[in-house]
Amino acid sequence: MTDRLPETDLTRHRRLREQGSLDRADLDAILDAGFVCHLGVVIEGRPVVVPTVYGRDGRRLYLHGSVASRSLAGGAPVCVTVTHVDGLVLARSVFEHGVNYRSAMIHGVPRKVTDPDEKLAGLRRLTEHATPGQWSYARRPNRKELAATTLLVLSLEEASVKIRTGGPDDGDGPDAELGLWAGTLPLTSTWGTPVPDPVLPTGIPVPDHIARREGAGQS
């Protein structure tokens, strides 16, 4: 049985309903394919949207940043978005152009993590989400660094998902007679060759968990 997302007033699809999904597996796949989100929050009456790294842990999303960041105060409604662009949809008419994409929009009130053990576990999840294997390889945060870091946790219970695939929609209309090319221009992202720090001493190899990502797709 499909695990479905609840439909609320904030997550109900009012336009392009055919592109909407209530399947939680689609939400998980979109979040797992990336590691940068945009956090939208109102600060002193003005909307602010901040890009930040995230990590998914089951039905929770972790966000982090500096303790000086006003966008990470917690305790107020936020909207978090993640989008992957998979290509351009190039039709015969400019009006019919579009984008193939996967997107998720999460609503909720995040909680600031204050428990030291939970904070460390959340930062581990965030690190491993972006670079699996790095938490065990690199030095972990010390007490001072933990104190300088804010970690928020946001429930994934109220989320909206949209996915667009396929080609142009004007192949059976009057514009089909124009004799113009139409189709899709796919967009893919792959990890490149690791570049060592210029001051790195010679003889230190690229760790396996990083080296094996070379040439792999990001999503």
N, C-alpha and C. Protein backbone atom coordinates (compact mmCIF):
# COMPACT_ATOMS: atom_id res chain seq x y z
N MET A 1 0.84 -1.20 0.00
CA MET A 1 0.00 0.00 0.00
C MET A 1 0.88 1.25 0.00
N THR A 2 0.55 2.20 -0.86
CA THR A 2 1.34 3.42 -0.99
C THR A 2 1.20 4.29 0.25
N ASP A 3 2.34 4.76 0.76
CA ASP A 3 2.34 5.70 1.88
C ASP A 3 2.08 7.08 1.31
N ARG A 4 0.91 7.63 1.57
CA ARG A 4 0.51 8.89 0.96
C ARG A 4 0.69 10.07 1.91
N LEU A 5 1.04 11.19 1.32
CA LEU A 5 1.16 12.43 2.07
C LEU A 5 -0.23 13.00 2.32
N PRO A 6 -0.46 13.56 3.50
CA PRO A 6 -1.76 14.19 3.76
C PRO A 6 -1.93 15.43 2.89
N GLU A 7 -3.13 15.66 2.41
CA GLU A 7 -3.42 16.84 1.61
C GLU A 7 -4.01 17.92 2.52
N THR A 8 -3.34 19.05 2.59
CA THR A 8 -3.80 20.16 3.43
C THR A 8 -4.05 21.38 2.55
N ASP A 9 -4.52 22.45 3.17
CA ASP A 9 -4.76 23.67 2.41
C ASP A 9 -3.48 24.21 1.81
N LEU A 10 -2.35 23.99 2.48
CA LEU A 10 -1.07 24.48 1.98
C LEU A 10 -0.48 23.58 0.90
N THR A 11 -0.80 22.30 0.92
CA THR A 11 -0.18 21.37 -0.03
C THR A 11 -1.09 20.96 -1.18
N ARG A 12 -2.34 21.37 -1.15
CA ARG A 12 -3.28 20.99 -2.21
C ARG A 12 -2.83 21.59 -3.55
N HIS A 13 -2.83 20.76 -4.59
CA HIS A 13 -2.42 21.21 -5.92
C HIS A 13 -3.60 21.87 -6.62
N ARG A 14 -3.48 23.16 -6.85
CA ARG A 14 -4.56 23.91 -7.48
C ARG A 14 -4.34 24.12 -8.98
N ARG A 15 -3.09 24.08 -9.42
CA ARG A 15 -2.76 24.19 -10.84
C ARG A 15 -1.90 23.00 -11.24
N LEU A 16 -2.06 22.59 -12.51
CA LEU A 16 -1.29 21.46 -13.04
C LEU A 16 -1.37 20.26 -12.09
N ARG A 17 -2.58 19.93 -11.73
CA ARG A 17 -2.80 18.85 -10.77
C ARG A 17 -2.23 17.52 -11.25
N GLU A 18 -2.16 17.34 -12.57
CA GLU A 18 -1.63 16.08 -13.10
C GLU A 18 -0.15 15.90 -12.81
N GLN A 19 0.54 16.99 -12.48
CA GLN A 19 1.96 16.90 -12.13
C GLN A 19 2.17 16.70 -10.63
N GLY A 20 1.11 16.80 -9.85
CA GLY A 20 1.23 16.64 -8.41
C GLY A 20 1.29 15.18 -8.00
N SER A 21 1.92 14.93 -6.88
CA SER A 21 2.01 13.58 -6.32
C SER A 21 1.81 13.63 -4.82
N LEU A 22 1.09 12.64 -4.30
CA LEU A 22 0.91 12.48 -2.87
C LEU A 22 1.67 11.26 -2.36
N ASP A 23 2.51 10.70 -3.21
CA ASP A 23 3.28 9.51 -2.85
C ASP A 23 4.51 9.95 -2.04
N ARG A 24 4.60 9.48 -0.80
CA ARG A 24 5.73 9.86 0.04
C ARG A 24 7.06 9.40 -0.55
N ALA A 25 7.04 8.30 -1.29
CA ALA A 25 8.28 7.82 -1.91
C ALA A 25 8.83 8.84 -2.90
N ASP A 26 7.96 9.59 -3.59
CA ASP A 26 8.43 10.64 -4.50
C ASP A 26 9.08 11.77 -3.72
N LEU A 27 8.50 12.13 -2.59
CA LEU A 27 9.10 13.16 -1.74
C LEU A 27 10.48 12.71 -1.27
N ASP A 28 10.59 11.49 -0.77
CA ASP A 28 11.87 10.99 -0.28
C ASP A 28 12.91 10.98 -1.39
N ALA A 29 12.51 10.56 -2.59
CA ALA A 29 13.46 10.48 -3.71
C ALA A 29 13.98 11.86 -4.09
N ILE A 30 13.10 12.86 -4.10
CA ILE A 30 13.52 14.22 -4.44
C ILE A 30 14.50 14.76 -3.40
N LEU A 31 14.20 14.54 -2.13
CA LEU A 31 15.10 15.02 -1.07
C LEU A 31 16.42 14.27 -1.07
N ASP A 32 16.38 12.98 -1.32
CA ASP A 32 17.60 12.18 -1.29
C ASP A 32 18.51 12.48 -2.48
N ALA A 33 17.94 13.02 -3.56
CA ALA A 33 18.74 13.30 -4.75
C ALA A 33 19.52 14.60 -4.65
N GLY A 34 19.25 15.41 -3.64
CA GLY A 34 19.95 16.68 -3.50
C GLY A 34 20.49 16.88 -2.11
N PHE A 35 21.04 18.06 -1.86
CA PHE A 35 21.51 18.38 -0.51
C PHE A 35 21.48 19.88 -0.23
N VAL A 36 20.98 20.66 -1.18
CA VAL A 36 20.81 22.10 -0.98
C VAL A 36 19.33 22.44 -1.13
N CYS A 37 18.81 23.14 -0.15
CA CYS A 37 17.41 23.57 -0.20
C CYS A 37 17.36 25.09 -0.08
N HIS A 38 16.17 25.64 -0.24
CA HIS A 38 15.95 27.06 0.00
C HIS A 38 14.94 27.19 1.13
N LEU A 39 15.35 27.87 2.17
CA LEU A 39 14.55 28.07 3.37
C LEU A 39 13.89 29.43 3.31
N GLY A 40 12.57 29.44 3.27
CA GLY A 40 11.82 30.69 3.25
C GLY A 40 11.23 30.99 4.61
N VAL A 41 11.47 32.18 5.12
CA VAL A 41 11.00 32.56 6.44
C VAL A 41 10.74 34.06 6.46
N VAL A 42 9.85 34.51 7.31
CA VAL A 42 9.57 35.94 7.45
C VAL A 42 10.37 36.48 8.63
N ILE A 43 11.17 37.50 8.38
CA ILE A 43 11.99 38.12 9.42
C ILE A 43 11.65 39.60 9.49
N GLU A 44 11.16 40.03 10.64
CA GLU A 44 10.77 41.42 10.85
C GLU A 44 9.82 41.90 9.76
N GLY A 45 8.86 41.04 9.41
CA GLY A 45 7.83 41.40 8.45
C GLY A 45 8.21 41.29 6.99
N ARG A 46 9.43 40.85 6.70
CA ARG A 46 9.88 40.74 5.32
C ARG A 46 10.24 39.30 5.00
N PRO A 47 9.86 38.81 3.80
CA PRO A 47 10.23 37.44 3.43
C PRO A 47 11.70 37.34 3.08
N VAL A 48 12.33 36.27 3.54
CA VAL A 48 13.75 36.00 3.25
C VAL A 48 13.87 34.55 2.82
N VAL A 49 14.61 34.31 1.74
CA VAL A 49 14.84 32.96 1.26
C VAL A 49 16.34 32.70 1.28
N VAL A 50 16.75 31.66 2.00
CA VAL A 50 18.17 31.39 2.23
C VAL A 50 18.52 29.99 1.72
N PRO A 51 19.55 29.86 0.88
CA PRO A 51 20.00 28.53 0.49
C PRO A 51 20.83 27.92 1.62
N THR A 52 20.61 26.65 1.89
CA THR A 52 21.37 25.99 2.95
C THR A 52 21.40 24.49 2.69
N VAL A 53 22.35 23.82 3.30
CA VAL A 53 22.49 22.37 3.17
C VAL A 53 21.50 21.69 4.12
N TYR A 54 20.97 20.56 3.69
CA TYR A 54 20.02 19.82 4.52
C TYR A 54 20.39 18.34 4.54
N GLY A 55 19.73 17.62 5.41
CA GLY A 55 19.88 16.17 5.47
C GLY A 55 18.57 15.55 5.90
N ARG A 56 18.16 14.49 5.23
CA ARG A 56 16.91 13.81 5.59
C ARG A 56 17.20 12.62 6.49
N ASP A 57 16.38 12.48 7.52
CA ASP A 57 16.47 11.34 8.42
C ASP A 57 15.06 10.82 8.63
N GLY A 58 14.66 9.84 7.83
CA GLY A 58 13.30 9.34 7.91
C GLY A 58 12.32 10.42 7.52
N ARG A 59 11.44 10.77 8.45
CA ARG A 59 10.43 11.78 8.17
C ARG A 59 10.80 13.11 8.81
N ARG A 60 12.09 13.37 8.94
CA ARG A 60 12.57 14.64 9.48
C ARG A 60 13.61 15.23 8.55
N LEU A 61 13.66 16.55 8.51
CA LEU A 61 14.66 17.25 7.72
C LEU A 61 15.49 18.12 8.65
N TYR A 62 16.81 18.00 8.55
CA TYR A 62 17.72 18.81 9.36
C TYR A 62 18.28 19.94 8.50
N LEU A 63 18.33 21.14 9.08
CA LEU A 63 18.91 22.32 8.45
C LEU A 63 19.91 22.92 9.43
N HIS A 64 21.00 23.47 8.91
CA HIS A 64 21.97 24.02 9.86
C HIS A 64 22.57 25.32 9.35
N GLY A 65 23.19 26.04 10.27
CA GLY A 65 23.86 27.29 9.93
C GLY A 65 24.46 27.91 11.17
N SER A 66 24.90 29.15 11.05
CA SER A 66 25.51 29.87 12.16
C SER A 66 24.47 30.27 13.19
N VAL A 67 24.87 30.33 14.44
CA VAL A 67 23.96 30.80 15.49
C VAL A 67 23.58 32.26 15.27
N ALA A 68 24.36 32.98 14.46
CA ALA A 68 24.06 34.39 14.18
C ALA A 68 23.01 34.55 13.09
N SER A 69 22.62 33.45 12.44
CA SER A 69 21.66 33.53 11.35
C SER A 69 20.24 33.73 11.88
N ARG A 70 19.61 34.83 11.49
CA ARG A 70 18.26 35.10 11.95
C ARG A 70 17.24 34.17 11.29
N SER A 71 17.59 33.60 10.14
CA SER A 71 16.67 32.71 9.45
C SER A 71 16.54 31.35 10.15
N LEU A 72 17.44 31.07 11.08
CA LEU A 72 17.43 29.78 11.77
C LEU A 72 16.97 29.91 13.22
N ALA A 73 16.16 30.90 13.49
CA ALA A 73 15.72 31.10 14.86
C ALA A 73 14.78 29.99 15.33
N GLY A 74 14.01 29.42 14.39
CA GLY A 74 13.08 28.36 14.77
C GLY A 74 11.85 28.92 15.46
N GLY A 75 10.84 28.06 15.60
CA GLY A 75 9.65 28.45 16.33
C GLY A 75 8.63 29.22 15.52
N ALA A 76 8.90 29.49 14.24
CA ALA A 76 7.97 30.22 13.38
C ALA A 76 7.78 29.44 12.09
N PRO A 77 6.63 29.61 11.41
CA PRO A 77 6.39 28.86 10.17
C PRO A 77 7.45 29.15 9.11
N VAL A 78 7.84 28.11 8.40
CA VAL A 78 8.80 28.23 7.30
C VAL A 78 8.29 27.44 6.11
N CYS A 79 8.90 27.68 4.97
CA CYS A 79 8.65 26.88 3.76
C CYS A 79 10.01 26.51 3.18
N VAL A 80 10.25 25.22 3.01
CA VAL A 80 11.52 24.73 2.48
C VAL A 80 11.25 24.12 1.11
N THR A 81 12.06 24.49 0.11
CA THR A 81 11.88 23.95 -1.23
C THR A 81 13.16 23.30 -1.74
N VAL A 82 12.98 22.23 -2.50
CA VAL A 82 14.08 21.54 -3.19
C VAL A 82 13.61 21.31 -4.62
N THR A 83 14.44 21.68 -5.59
CA THR A 83 14.07 21.53 -7.01
C THR A 83 15.23 20.94 -7.79
N HIS A 84 14.90 19.99 -8.66
CA HIS A 84 15.87 19.44 -9.61
C HIS A 84 15.35 19.71 -11.02
N VAL A 85 16.18 20.34 -11.85
CA VAL A 85 15.82 20.59 -13.24
C VAL A 85 16.37 19.45 -14.09
N ASP A 86 15.49 18.77 -14.81
CA ASP A 86 15.88 17.62 -15.62
C ASP A 86 15.98 17.94 -17.11
N GLY A 87 15.54 19.11 -17.52
CA GLY A 87 15.67 19.48 -18.92
C GLY A 87 14.69 20.55 -19.32
N LEU A 88 14.93 21.10 -20.52
CA LEU A 88 14.04 22.08 -21.11
C LEU A 88 13.08 21.37 -22.06
N VAL A 89 11.85 21.81 -22.06
CA VAL A 89 10.84 21.31 -22.99
C VAL A 89 10.65 22.39 -24.05
N LEU A 90 11.14 22.13 -25.27
CA LEU A 90 11.16 23.13 -26.33
C LEU A 90 10.08 22.80 -27.35
N ALA A 91 9.04 23.59 -27.34
CA ALA A 91 7.89 23.34 -28.21
C ALA A 91 8.01 24.15 -29.49
N ARG A 92 7.02 24.06 -30.32
CA ARG A 92 6.97 24.82 -31.56
C ARG A 92 6.59 26.28 -31.29
N SER A 93 5.87 26.49 -30.22
CA SER A 93 5.47 27.82 -29.80
C SER A 93 6.15 28.15 -28.48
N VAL A 94 6.64 29.39 -28.36
CA VAL A 94 7.29 29.81 -27.11
C VAL A 94 6.32 29.67 -25.94
N PHE A 95 5.05 29.91 -26.19
CA PHE A 95 4.05 29.83 -25.12
C PHE A 95 3.97 28.43 -24.52
N GLU A 96 4.28 27.41 -25.32
CA GLU A 96 4.18 26.02 -24.88
C GLU A 96 5.49 25.47 -24.32
N HIS A 97 6.53 26.29 -24.26
CA HIS A 97 7.80 25.85 -23.68
C HIS A 97 7.60 25.52 -22.19
N GLY A 98 8.46 24.68 -21.68
CA GLY A 98 8.36 24.32 -20.27
C GLY A 98 9.66 23.73 -19.75
N VAL A 99 9.58 23.16 -18.57
CA VAL A 99 10.74 22.57 -17.90
C VAL A 99 10.33 21.22 -17.33
N ASN A 100 11.15 20.23 -17.54
CA ASN A 100 10.99 18.96 -16.83
C ASN A 100 11.71 19.09 -15.50
N TYR A 101 11.03 18.75 -14.43
CA TYR A 101 11.58 19.03 -13.10
C TYR A 101 10.98 18.08 -12.07
N ARG A 102 11.61 18.06 -10.90
CA ARG A 102 11.09 17.40 -9.70
C ARG A 102 11.23 18.40 -8.57
N SER A 103 10.14 18.65 -7.86
CA SER A 103 10.21 19.65 -6.81
C SER A 103 9.41 19.22 -5.58
N ALA A 104 9.87 19.69 -4.44
CA ALA A 104 9.19 19.43 -3.17
C ALA A 104 9.13 20.72 -2.39
N MET A 105 7.99 20.94 -1.74
CA MET A 105 7.78 22.12 -0.90
C MET A 105 7.28 21.64 0.46
N ILE A 106 8.04 21.94 1.52
CA ILE A 106 7.70 21.46 2.86
C ILE A 106 7.30 22.64 3.73
N HIS A 107 6.19 22.49 4.42
CA HIS A 107 5.69 23.52 5.33
C HIS A 107 5.77 23.00 6.77
N GLY A 108 6.00 23.92 7.70
CA GLY A 108 6.00 23.52 9.09
C GLY A 108 6.68 24.54 9.98
N VAL A 109 6.73 24.21 11.24
CA VAL A 109 7.41 25.05 12.23
C VAL A 109 8.60 24.25 12.75
N PRO A 110 9.83 24.63 12.38
CA PRO A 110 10.99 23.85 12.80
C PRO A 110 11.30 24.05 14.28
N ARG A 111 11.91 23.03 14.82
CA ARG A 111 12.34 23.06 16.23
C ARG A 111 13.86 23.18 16.29
N LYS A 112 14.33 24.07 17.15
CA LYS A 112 15.78 24.21 17.33
C LYS A 112 16.27 23.06 18.20
N VAL A 113 17.29 22.37 17.74
CA VAL A 113 17.84 21.23 18.47
C VAL A 113 18.83 21.75 19.51
N THR A 114 18.56 21.44 20.78
CA THR A 114 19.44 21.89 21.86
C THR A 114 20.13 20.75 22.58
N ASP A 115 19.55 19.55 22.53
CA ASP A 115 20.18 18.41 23.19
C ASP A 115 21.49 18.07 22.48
N PRO A 116 22.63 18.01 23.20
CA PRO A 116 23.92 17.79 22.56
C PRO A 116 23.99 16.50 21.74
N ASP A 117 23.43 15.41 22.27
CA ASP A 117 23.48 14.14 21.54
C ASP A 117 22.64 14.20 20.27
N GLU A 118 21.46 14.78 20.37
CA GLU A 118 20.60 14.91 19.19
C GLU A 118 21.24 15.84 18.16
N LYS A 119 21.88 16.89 18.65
CA LYS A 119 22.53 17.83 17.74
C LYS A 119 23.66 17.16 16.97
N LEU A 120 24.45 16.36 17.68
CA LEU A 120 25.55 15.66 17.03
C LEU A 120 25.02 14.65 16.02
N ALA A 121 23.97 13.94 16.38
CA ALA A 121 23.37 12.96 15.49
C ALA A 121 22.78 13.64 14.25
N GLY A 122 22.16 14.80 14.45
CA GLY A 122 21.59 15.53 13.32
C GLY A 122 22.66 16.04 12.37
N LEU A 123 23.76 16.53 12.91
CA LEU A 123 24.86 17.01 12.06
C LEU A 123 25.51 15.84 11.32
N ARG A 124 25.54 14.68 11.97
CA ARG A 124 26.06 13.51 11.27
C ARG A 124 25.15 13.15 10.09
N ARG A 125 23.85 13.17 10.32
CA ARG A 125 22.91 12.84 9.25
C ARG A 125 23.06 13.83 8.11
N LEU A 126 23.20 15.10 8.43
CA LEU A 126 23.36 16.15 7.42
C LEU A 126 24.64 15.95 6.61
N THR A 127 25.74 15.64 7.30
CA THR A 127 27.03 15.42 6.63
C THR A 127 26.97 14.19 5.73
N GLU A 128 26.40 13.11 6.25
CA GLU A 128 26.34 11.87 5.49
C GLU A 128 25.38 11.97 4.31
N HIS A 129 24.37 12.83 4.43
CA HIS A 129 23.44 13.03 3.32
C HIS A 129 24.18 13.62 2.12
N ALA A 130 25.05 14.60 2.36
CA ALA A 130 25.78 15.25 1.28
C ALA A 130 26.95 14.41 0.80
N THR A 131 27.69 13.83 1.73
CA THR A 131 28.89 13.05 1.38
C THR A 131 28.96 11.80 2.23
N PRO A 132 28.35 10.72 1.80
CA PRO A 132 28.37 9.47 2.58
C PRO A 132 29.81 9.03 2.87
N GLY A 133 30.08 8.74 4.12
CA GLY A 133 31.41 8.29 4.53
C GLY A 133 32.29 9.38 5.11
N GLN A 134 31.88 10.65 4.96
CA GLN A 134 32.74 11.75 5.39
C GLN A 134 32.76 11.92 6.91
N TRP A 135 31.66 11.59 7.58
CA TRP A 135 31.61 11.75 9.03
C TRP A 135 32.65 10.89 9.72
N SER A 136 32.85 9.69 9.22
CA SER A 136 33.83 8.78 9.82
C SER A 136 35.26 9.14 9.41
N TYR A 137 35.41 9.87 8.30
CA TYR A 137 36.73 10.18 7.79
C TYR A 137 37.31 11.45 8.40
N ALA A 138 36.52 12.50 8.46
CA ALA A 138 37.01 13.81 8.89
C ALA A 138 36.88 13.97 10.42
N ARG A 139 37.55 15.01 10.95
CA ARG A 139 37.41 15.31 12.38
C ARG A 139 36.01 15.79 12.65
N ARG A 140 35.44 15.34 13.74
CA ARG A 140 34.08 15.71 14.09
C ARG A 140 34.06 17.02 14.88
N PRO A 141 32.90 17.68 14.94
CA PRO A 141 32.84 18.99 15.61
C PRO A 141 33.20 18.89 17.09
N ASN A 142 33.94 19.90 17.56
CA ASN A 142 34.24 19.96 18.98
C ASN A 142 33.16 20.79 19.68
N ARG A 143 33.28 20.94 20.99
CA ARG A 143 32.25 21.62 21.77
C ARG A 143 32.07 23.07 21.32
N LYS A 144 33.17 23.75 21.04
CA LYS A 144 33.09 25.15 20.62
C LYS A 144 32.38 25.27 19.28
N GLU A 145 32.69 24.37 18.37
CA GLU A 145 32.07 24.41 17.04
C GLU A 145 30.58 24.08 17.12
N LEU A 146 30.23 23.15 17.99
CA LEU A 146 28.82 22.82 18.16
C LEU A 146 28.05 24.01 18.72
N ALA A 147 28.68 24.74 19.63
CA ALA A 147 28.02 25.91 20.22
C ALA A 147 27.80 27.01 19.20
N ALA A 148 28.64 27.05 18.16
CA ALA A 148 28.54 28.09 17.14
C ALA A 148 27.59 27.70 16.01
N THR A 149 27.00 26.51 16.10
CA THR A 149 26.15 25.99 15.03
C THR A 149 24.71 25.86 15.51
N THR A 150 23.79 26.33 14.68
CA THR A 150 22.37 26.13 14.92
C THR A 150 21.88 24.98 14.07
N LEU A 151 21.10 24.09 14.67
CA LEU A 151 20.52 22.96 13.94
C LEU A 151 19.02 22.98 14.15
N LEU A 152 18.29 22.97 13.05
CA LEU A 152 16.83 22.90 13.10
C LEU A 152 16.37 21.54 12.59
N VAL A 153 15.27 21.07 13.12
CA VAL A 153 14.65 19.84 12.62
C VAL A 153 13.21 20.17 12.23
N LEU A 154 12.82 19.73 11.04
CA LEU A 154 11.51 20.05 10.49
C LEU A 154 10.80 18.76 10.08
N SER A 155 9.57 18.59 10.52
CA SER A 155 8.79 17.43 10.15
C SER A 155 8.48 17.44 8.65
N LEU A 156 8.44 16.25 8.06
CA LEU A 156 8.10 16.11 6.64
C LEU A 156 6.65 15.68 6.45
N GLU A 157 5.81 15.98 7.41
CA GLU A 157 4.42 15.54 7.34
C GLU A 157 3.57 16.41 6.43
N GLU A 158 3.94 17.68 6.24
CA GLU A 158 3.15 18.56 5.38
C GLU A 158 4.00 19.01 4.20
N ALA A 159 3.84 18.32 3.09
CA ALA A 159 4.70 18.57 1.94
C ALA A 159 3.91 18.44 0.65
N SER A 160 4.36 19.19 -0.35
CA SER A 160 3.76 19.16 -1.68
C SER A 160 4.82 18.75 -2.69
N VAL A 161 4.46 17.84 -3.59
CA VAL A 161 5.40 17.33 -4.59
C VAL A 161 4.83 17.54 -5.98
N LYS A 162 5.68 18.00 -6.90
CA LYS A 162 5.29 18.09 -8.30
C LYS A 162 6.43 17.56 -9.18
N ILE A 163 6.04 16.85 -10.24
CA ILE A 163 7.01 16.25 -11.15
C ILE A 163 6.49 16.43 -12.57
N ARG A 164 7.35 16.96 -13.45
CA ARG A 164 6.98 17.11 -14.85
C ARG A 164 7.96 16.30 -15.69
N THR A 165 7.45 15.42 -16.55
CA THR A 165 8.27 14.64 -17.46
C THR A 165 7.65 14.70 -18.85
N GLY A 166 8.41 14.23 -19.84
CA GLY A 166 7.87 14.13 -21.18
C GLY A 166 8.18 15.32 -22.07
N GLY A 167 7.63 15.27 -23.28
CA GLY A 167 7.93 16.28 -24.29
C GLY A 167 6.89 17.37 -24.38
N PRO A 168 6.93 18.14 -25.46
CA PRO A 168 5.99 19.24 -25.65
C PRO A 168 4.56 18.73 -25.82
N ASP A 169 3.63 19.63 -25.58
CA ASP A 169 2.21 19.26 -25.65
C ASP A 169 1.53 19.78 -26.92
N ASP A 170 2.31 20.31 -27.88
CA ASP A 170 1.67 20.93 -29.04
C ASP A 170 1.84 20.11 -30.31
N GLY A 171 2.13 18.82 -30.14
CA GLY A 171 2.36 17.99 -31.33
C GLY A 171 1.11 17.68 -32.13
N ASP A 172 -0.04 17.85 -31.54
CA ASP A 172 -1.28 17.56 -32.26
C ASP A 172 -2.12 18.82 -32.48
N GLY A 173 -1.48 20.00 -32.39
CA GLY A 173 -2.17 21.26 -32.60
C GLY A 173 -1.78 21.91 -33.91
N PRO A 174 -2.31 23.09 -34.17
CA PRO A 174 -2.01 23.80 -35.42
C PRO A 174 -0.52 24.08 -35.61
N ASP A 175 0.23 24.28 -34.53
CA ASP A 175 1.66 24.60 -34.65
C ASP A 175 2.48 23.43 -35.18
N ALA A 176 1.90 22.22 -35.18
CA ALA A 176 2.62 21.06 -35.70
C ALA A 176 2.90 21.19 -37.19
N GLU A 177 2.14 22.07 -37.86
CA GLU A 177 2.31 22.26 -39.30
C GLU A 177 3.40 23.27 -39.63
N LEU A 178 4.03 23.86 -38.63
CA LEU A 178 5.05 24.89 -38.88
C LEU A 178 6.36 24.33 -39.40
N GLY A 179 6.58 23.05 -39.22
CA GLY A 179 7.83 22.44 -39.68
C GLY A 179 9.02 22.79 -38.80
N LEU A 180 8.78 23.08 -37.53
CA LEU A 180 9.84 23.44 -36.59
C LEU A 180 10.21 22.24 -35.72
N TRP A 181 11.48 22.21 -35.31
CA TRP A 181 11.91 21.14 -34.41
C TRP A 181 11.33 21.38 -33.03
N ALA A 182 10.93 20.30 -32.38
CA ALA A 182 10.45 20.37 -31.01
C ALA A 182 10.89 19.12 -30.27
N GLY A 183 11.10 19.24 -28.98
CA GLY A 183 11.55 18.10 -28.18
C GLY A 183 12.05 18.56 -26.83
N THR A 184 12.92 17.77 -26.24
CA THR A 184 13.46 18.10 -24.93
C THR A 184 14.98 18.19 -25.00
N LEU A 185 15.54 19.04 -24.16
CA LEU A 185 16.98 19.18 -24.01
C LEU A 185 17.32 18.77 -22.59
N PRO A 186 17.74 17.50 -22.40
CA PRO A 186 17.99 17.01 -21.04
C PRO A 186 19.14 17.74 -20.36
N LEU A 187 19.05 17.83 -19.06
CA LEU A 187 20.11 18.42 -18.25
C LEU A 187 20.50 17.42 -17.17
N THR A 188 21.80 17.10 -17.11
CA THR A 188 22.28 16.17 -16.10
C THR A 188 23.46 16.80 -15.35
N SER A 189 23.65 16.37 -14.10
CA SER A 189 24.78 16.83 -13.29
C SER A 189 25.59 15.62 -12.85
N THR A 190 26.91 15.72 -12.99
CA THR A 190 27.80 14.64 -12.56
C THR A 190 28.94 15.22 -11.74
N TRP A 191 29.44 14.39 -10.83
CA TRP A 191 30.58 14.80 -10.01
C TRP A 191 31.85 14.73 -10.84
N GLY A 192 32.70 15.75 -10.70
CA GLY A 192 33.95 15.79 -11.44
C GLY A 192 35.09 15.13 -10.68
N THR A 193 36.30 15.34 -11.22
CA THR A 193 37.50 14.78 -10.60
C THR A 193 37.84 15.57 -9.33
N PRO A 194 38.05 14.90 -8.19
CA PRO A 194 38.39 15.61 -6.96
C PRO A 194 39.64 16.47 -7.13
N VAL A 195 39.59 17.70 -6.64
CA VAL A 195 40.71 18.64 -6.74
C VAL A 195 41.30 18.83 -5.35
N PRO A 196 42.56 18.46 -5.14
CA PRO A 196 43.15 18.58 -3.80
C PRO A 196 43.38 20.03 -3.40
N ASP A 197 43.34 20.27 -2.11
CA ASP A 197 43.69 21.57 -1.55
C ASP A 197 45.13 21.90 -1.97
N PRO A 198 45.40 23.11 -2.48
CA PRO A 198 46.76 23.45 -2.92
C PRO A 198 47.82 23.26 -1.85
N VAL A 199 47.46 23.37 -0.57
CA VAL A 199 48.45 23.23 0.49
C VAL A 199 48.49 21.79 1.04
N LEU A 200 47.75 20.88 0.41
CA LEU A 200 47.75 19.49 0.88
C LEU A 200 49.11 18.86 0.62
N PRO A 201 49.73 18.24 1.65
CA PRO A 201 51.02 17.57 1.44
C PRO A 201 50.87 16.44 0.42
N THR A 202 51.92 16.19 -0.32
CA THR A 202 51.90 15.10 -1.29
C THR A 202 51.81 13.77 -0.56
N GLY A 203 51.22 12.81 -1.23
CA GLY A 203 51.13 11.47 -0.67
C GLY A 203 49.84 11.17 0.05
N ILE A 204 48.97 12.18 0.23
CA ILE A 204 47.68 11.93 0.88
C ILE A 204 46.65 11.60 -0.22
N PRO A 205 46.20 10.38 -0.29
CA PRO A 205 45.30 9.98 -1.37
C PRO A 205 43.87 10.46 -1.16
N VAL A 206 43.14 10.52 -2.24
CA VAL A 206 41.71 10.81 -2.16
C VAL A 206 41.03 9.60 -1.52
N PRO A 207 40.26 9.80 -0.45
CA PRO A 207 39.59 8.65 0.19
C PRO A 207 38.60 7.99 -0.76
N ASP A 208 38.42 6.70 -0.58
CA ASP A 208 37.58 5.92 -1.50
C ASP A 208 36.16 6.47 -1.59
N HIS A 209 35.60 6.92 -0.45
CA HIS A 209 34.20 7.34 -0.48
C HIS A 209 34.01 8.61 -1.31
N ILE A 210 35.09 9.36 -1.55
CA ILE A 210 35.03 10.53 -2.42
C ILE A 210 35.42 10.16 -3.84
N ALA A 211 36.47 9.38 -4.00
CA ALA A 211 36.96 9.03 -5.33
C ALA A 211 35.92 8.28 -6.15
N ARG A 212 35.15 7.42 -5.50
CA ARG A 212 34.19 6.62 -6.27
C ARG A 212 32.99 7.41 -6.76
N ARG A 213 32.84 8.65 -6.32
CA ARG A 213 31.74 9.48 -6.81
C ARG A 213 32.06 10.18 -8.12
N GLU A 214 33.34 10.18 -8.50
CA GLU A 214 33.73 10.83 -9.75
C GLU A 214 32.97 10.21 -10.92
N GLY A 215 32.34 11.04 -11.71
CA GLY A 215 31.60 10.58 -12.88
C GLY A 215 30.18 10.14 -12.58
N ALA A 216 29.84 10.05 -11.30
CA ALA A 216 28.48 9.63 -10.93
C ALA A 216 27.53 10.81 -11.00
N GLY A 217 26.28 10.53 -11.23
CA GLY A 217 25.30 11.58 -11.29
C GLY A 217 24.97 12.11 -9.92
N GLN A 218 24.62 13.40 -9.85
CA GLN A 218 24.23 13.98 -8.56
C GLN A 218 22.84 13.52 -8.17
N SER A 219 21.98 13.33 -9.15
CA SER A 219 20.60 12.96 -8.83
C SER A 219 20.11 11.89 -9.79
